[in-house]
């Protein structure tokens, strides 16, 4: 591999490596928070008072794990 071709690959590889550094957990958290924000905005637009309390991501994950446990034990 020549030096010039190596330097061409670095700019292409760097963004891919940085994107890969984001874990699946971070993507899931971001998606969950985006949906929560959207629901909050829709609630405010409809004039619902008070809007339902937003569930923290950690609480959501804990409840999901608890719901999965009985199915794993069978």
N, C-alpha and C. Protein backbone atom coordinates (compact mmCIF):
# COMPACT_ATOMS: atom_id res chain seq x y z
N UNK A 1 0.86 -1.18 0.00
CA UNK A 1 0.00 0.00 0.00
C UNK A 1 0.90 1.24 0.00
N UNK A 2 0.64 2.13 -0.90
CA UNK A 2 1.44 3.34 -0.98
C UNK A 2 0.98 4.34 0.07
N UNK A 3 1.84 5.28 0.34
CA UNK A 3 1.49 6.31 1.34
C UNK A 3 0.30 7.14 0.93
N UNK A 4 0.21 7.48 -0.33
CA UNK A 4 -0.90 8.32 -0.79
C UNK A 4 -2.24 7.61 -0.63
N UNK A 5 -2.28 6.31 -0.91
CA UNK A 5 -3.55 5.60 -0.76
C UNK A 5 -3.92 5.44 0.71
N UNK A 6 -2.92 5.36 1.59
CA UNK A 6 -3.21 5.26 3.02
C UNK A 6 -3.87 6.54 3.51
N UNK A 7 -3.38 7.70 3.06
CA UNK A 7 -3.94 8.97 3.52
C UNK A 7 -5.33 9.22 2.96
N UNK A 8 -5.65 8.60 1.85
CA UNK A 8 -6.99 8.72 1.30
C UNK A 8 -7.97 7.92 2.16
N UNK A 9 -7.55 6.81 2.67
CA UNK A 9 -8.43 5.96 3.48
C UNK A 9 -8.69 6.52 4.87
N UNK A 10 -7.76 7.29 5.40
CA UNK A 10 -7.93 7.84 6.76
C UNK A 10 -9.16 8.73 6.85
N UNK A 11 -9.35 9.71 5.94
CA UNK A 11 -10.55 10.56 6.08
C UNK A 11 -11.86 9.78 5.92
N UNK A 12 -11.83 8.71 5.16
CA UNK A 12 -13.03 7.91 4.99
C UNK A 12 -13.28 7.04 6.22
N UNK A 13 -12.23 6.49 6.78
CA UNK A 13 -12.35 5.58 7.91
C UNK A 13 -12.68 6.29 9.21
N UNK A 14 -12.18 7.48 9.39
CA UNK A 14 -12.36 8.20 10.65
C UNK A 14 -13.83 8.43 11.00
N UNK A 15 -14.67 8.97 10.10
CA UNK A 15 -16.09 9.14 10.47
C UNK A 15 -16.78 7.82 10.76
N UNK A 16 -16.44 6.78 10.04
CA UNK A 16 -17.04 5.48 10.30
C UNK A 16 -16.64 4.95 11.68
N UNK A 17 -15.39 5.16 12.05
CA UNK A 17 -14.94 4.72 13.38
C UNK A 17 -15.64 5.52 14.47
N UNK A 18 -15.80 6.80 14.27
CA UNK A 18 -16.47 7.63 15.27
C UNK A 18 -17.94 7.26 15.38
N UNK A 19 -18.58 6.97 14.27
CA UNK A 19 -19.97 6.56 14.29
C UNK A 19 -20.12 5.22 15.00
N UNK A 20 -19.18 4.33 14.76
CA UNK A 20 -19.21 3.03 15.42
C UNK A 20 -18.96 3.11 16.90
N UNK A 21 -18.36 4.21 17.37
CA UNK A 21 -18.08 4.37 18.79
C UNK A 21 -19.36 4.56 19.60
N UNK A 22 -20.42 4.98 18.95
CA UNK A 22 -21.70 5.11 19.64
C UNK A 22 -22.28 3.71 19.84
N UNK A 23 -22.54 3.39 21.06
CA UNK A 23 -23.04 2.05 21.36
C UNK A 23 -24.52 1.93 21.00
N UNK A 24 -24.95 0.70 20.90
CA UNK A 24 -26.37 0.44 20.64
C UNK A 24 -27.21 1.02 21.77
N UNK A 25 -26.69 0.98 22.98
CA UNK A 25 -27.40 1.55 24.14
C UNK A 25 -27.63 3.05 23.94
N UNK A 26 -26.63 3.75 23.43
CA UNK A 26 -26.78 5.19 23.20
C UNK A 26 -27.84 5.47 22.13
N UNK A 27 -27.85 4.66 21.07
CA UNK A 27 -28.85 4.83 20.02
C UNK A 27 -30.24 4.55 20.56
N UNK A 28 -30.39 3.52 21.39
CA UNK A 28 -31.69 3.20 21.97
C UNK A 28 -32.16 4.31 22.89
N UNK A 29 -31.25 4.83 23.69
CA UNK A 29 -31.59 5.92 24.61
C UNK A 29 -32.05 7.15 23.83
N UNK A 30 -31.32 7.48 22.78
CA UNK A 30 -31.66 8.64 21.97
C UNK A 30 -33.03 8.46 21.32
N UNK A 31 -33.29 7.28 20.80
CA UNK A 31 -34.59 7.01 20.20
C UNK A 31 -35.71 7.11 21.21
N UNK A 32 -35.49 6.54 22.40
CA UNK A 32 -36.50 6.58 23.45
C UNK A 32 -36.79 8.03 23.87
N UNK A 33 -35.73 8.80 24.07
CA UNK A 33 -35.92 10.19 24.49
C UNK A 33 -36.60 11.02 23.41
N UNK A 34 -36.31 10.72 22.14
CA UNK A 34 -36.96 11.43 21.04
C UNK A 34 -38.46 11.15 21.03
N UNK A 35 -38.81 9.90 21.24
CA UNK A 35 -40.24 9.56 21.29
C UNK A 35 -40.93 10.21 22.48
N UNK A 36 -40.26 10.24 23.61
CA UNK A 36 -40.83 10.89 24.80
C UNK A 36 -41.06 12.37 24.54
N UNK A 37 -40.09 13.00 23.89
CA UNK A 37 -40.21 14.44 23.58
C UNK A 37 -41.36 14.68 22.61
N UNK A 38 -41.49 13.82 21.62
CA UNK A 38 -42.58 13.95 20.64
C UNK A 38 -43.95 13.82 21.32
N UNK A 39 -44.08 12.83 22.19
CA UNK A 39 -45.34 12.66 22.92
C UNK A 39 -45.66 13.87 23.79
N UNK A 40 -44.63 14.44 24.39
CA UNK A 40 -44.82 15.63 25.23
C UNK A 40 -45.31 16.80 24.37
N UNK A 41 -44.70 16.98 23.20
CA UNK A 41 -45.12 18.07 22.31
C UNK A 41 -46.56 17.88 21.85
N UNK A 42 -46.92 16.64 21.50
CA UNK A 42 -48.30 16.37 21.06
C UNK A 42 -49.29 16.64 22.19
N UNK A 43 -48.91 16.29 23.39
CA UNK A 43 -49.77 16.53 24.54
C UNK A 43 -50.01 18.03 24.73
N UNK A 44 -48.94 18.81 24.63
CA UNK A 44 -49.06 20.26 24.78
C UNK A 44 -49.89 20.88 23.66
N UNK A 45 -49.71 20.36 22.43
CA UNK A 45 -50.46 20.88 21.29
C UNK A 45 -51.96 20.60 21.44
N UNK A 46 -52.30 19.48 22.03
CA UNK A 46 -53.71 19.11 22.21
C UNK A 46 -54.33 19.81 23.41
N UNK A 47 -53.51 20.43 24.22
CA UNK A 47 -54.02 21.15 25.38
C UNK A 47 -54.40 20.26 26.54
N UNK A 48 -53.82 19.08 26.60
CA UNK A 48 -54.10 18.18 27.71
C UNK A 48 -53.40 18.71 28.96
N UNK A 49 -54.16 18.82 30.04
CA UNK A 49 -53.58 19.37 31.27
C UNK A 49 -53.94 18.48 32.44
N UNK A 50 -53.06 17.95 33.15
CA UNK A 50 -51.62 17.95 32.90
C UNK A 50 -51.23 16.80 31.97
N UNK A 51 -50.12 16.98 31.31
CA UNK A 51 -49.58 15.92 30.45
C UNK A 51 -49.07 14.79 31.36
N UNK A 52 -49.16 13.55 30.88
CA UNK A 52 -48.65 12.44 31.69
C UNK A 52 -47.17 12.62 32.01
N UNK A 53 -46.80 12.16 33.18
CA UNK A 53 -45.40 12.27 33.59
C UNK A 53 -44.53 11.41 32.69
N UNK A 54 -43.38 11.92 32.33
CA UNK A 54 -42.46 11.19 31.46
C UNK A 54 -41.68 10.17 32.28
N UNK A 55 -41.54 8.98 31.71
CA UNK A 55 -40.80 7.91 32.38
C UNK A 55 -39.31 8.03 32.03
N UNK A 56 -38.46 7.91 33.03
CA UNK A 56 -37.02 7.94 32.79
C UNK A 56 -36.60 6.70 32.00
N UNK A 57 -35.58 6.84 31.18
CA UNK A 57 -35.10 5.73 30.37
C UNK A 57 -34.65 4.56 31.25
N UNK A 58 -34.00 4.85 32.36
CA UNK A 58 -33.52 3.81 33.26
C UNK A 58 -34.69 2.99 33.81
N UNK A 59 -35.77 3.68 34.18
CA UNK A 59 -36.95 2.98 34.69
C UNK A 59 -37.59 2.12 33.61
N UNK A 60 -37.65 2.65 32.40
CA UNK A 60 -38.18 1.90 31.26
C UNK A 60 -37.37 0.62 31.03
N UNK A 61 -36.06 0.73 31.05
CA UNK A 61 -35.20 -0.44 30.84
C UNK A 61 -35.39 -1.47 31.95
N UNK A 62 -35.48 -1.00 33.18
CA UNK A 62 -35.66 -1.91 34.32
C UNK A 62 -36.97 -2.69 34.19
N UNK A 63 -38.04 -2.00 33.83
CA UNK A 63 -39.33 -2.66 33.66
C UNK A 63 -39.30 -3.65 32.50
N UNK A 64 -38.61 -3.31 31.44
CA UNK A 64 -38.50 -4.25 30.31
C UNK A 64 -37.75 -5.51 30.71
N UNK A 65 -36.68 -5.35 31.48
CA UNK A 65 -35.91 -6.51 31.92
C UNK A 65 -36.76 -7.39 32.84
N UNK A 66 -37.53 -6.78 33.71
CA UNK A 66 -38.40 -7.55 34.60
C UNK A 66 -39.46 -8.29 33.80
N UNK A 67 -39.98 -7.69 32.75
CA UNK A 67 -41.01 -8.32 31.93
C UNK A 67 -40.41 -9.50 31.14
N UNK A 68 -39.15 -9.40 30.77
CA UNK A 68 -38.49 -10.47 30.01
C UNK A 68 -38.10 -11.65 30.88
N UNK A 69 -37.87 -11.44 32.16
CA UNK A 69 -37.39 -12.52 33.05
C UNK A 69 -38.33 -13.71 33.11
N UNK A 70 -39.65 -13.55 33.27
CA UNK A 70 -40.51 -14.74 33.34
C UNK A 70 -40.46 -15.58 32.06
N UNK A 71 -40.34 -14.97 30.91
CA UNK A 71 -40.30 -15.72 29.66
C UNK A 71 -38.98 -16.49 29.53
N UNK A 72 -37.93 -16.01 30.11
CA UNK A 72 -36.64 -16.70 30.07
C UNK A 72 -36.60 -17.89 31.01
N UNK A 73 -37.37 -17.84 32.09
CA UNK A 73 -37.34 -18.91 33.08
C UNK A 73 -38.15 -20.12 32.63
N UNK A 74 -39.02 -19.96 31.67
CA UNK A 74 -39.88 -21.07 31.22
C UNK A 74 -39.13 -22.05 30.36
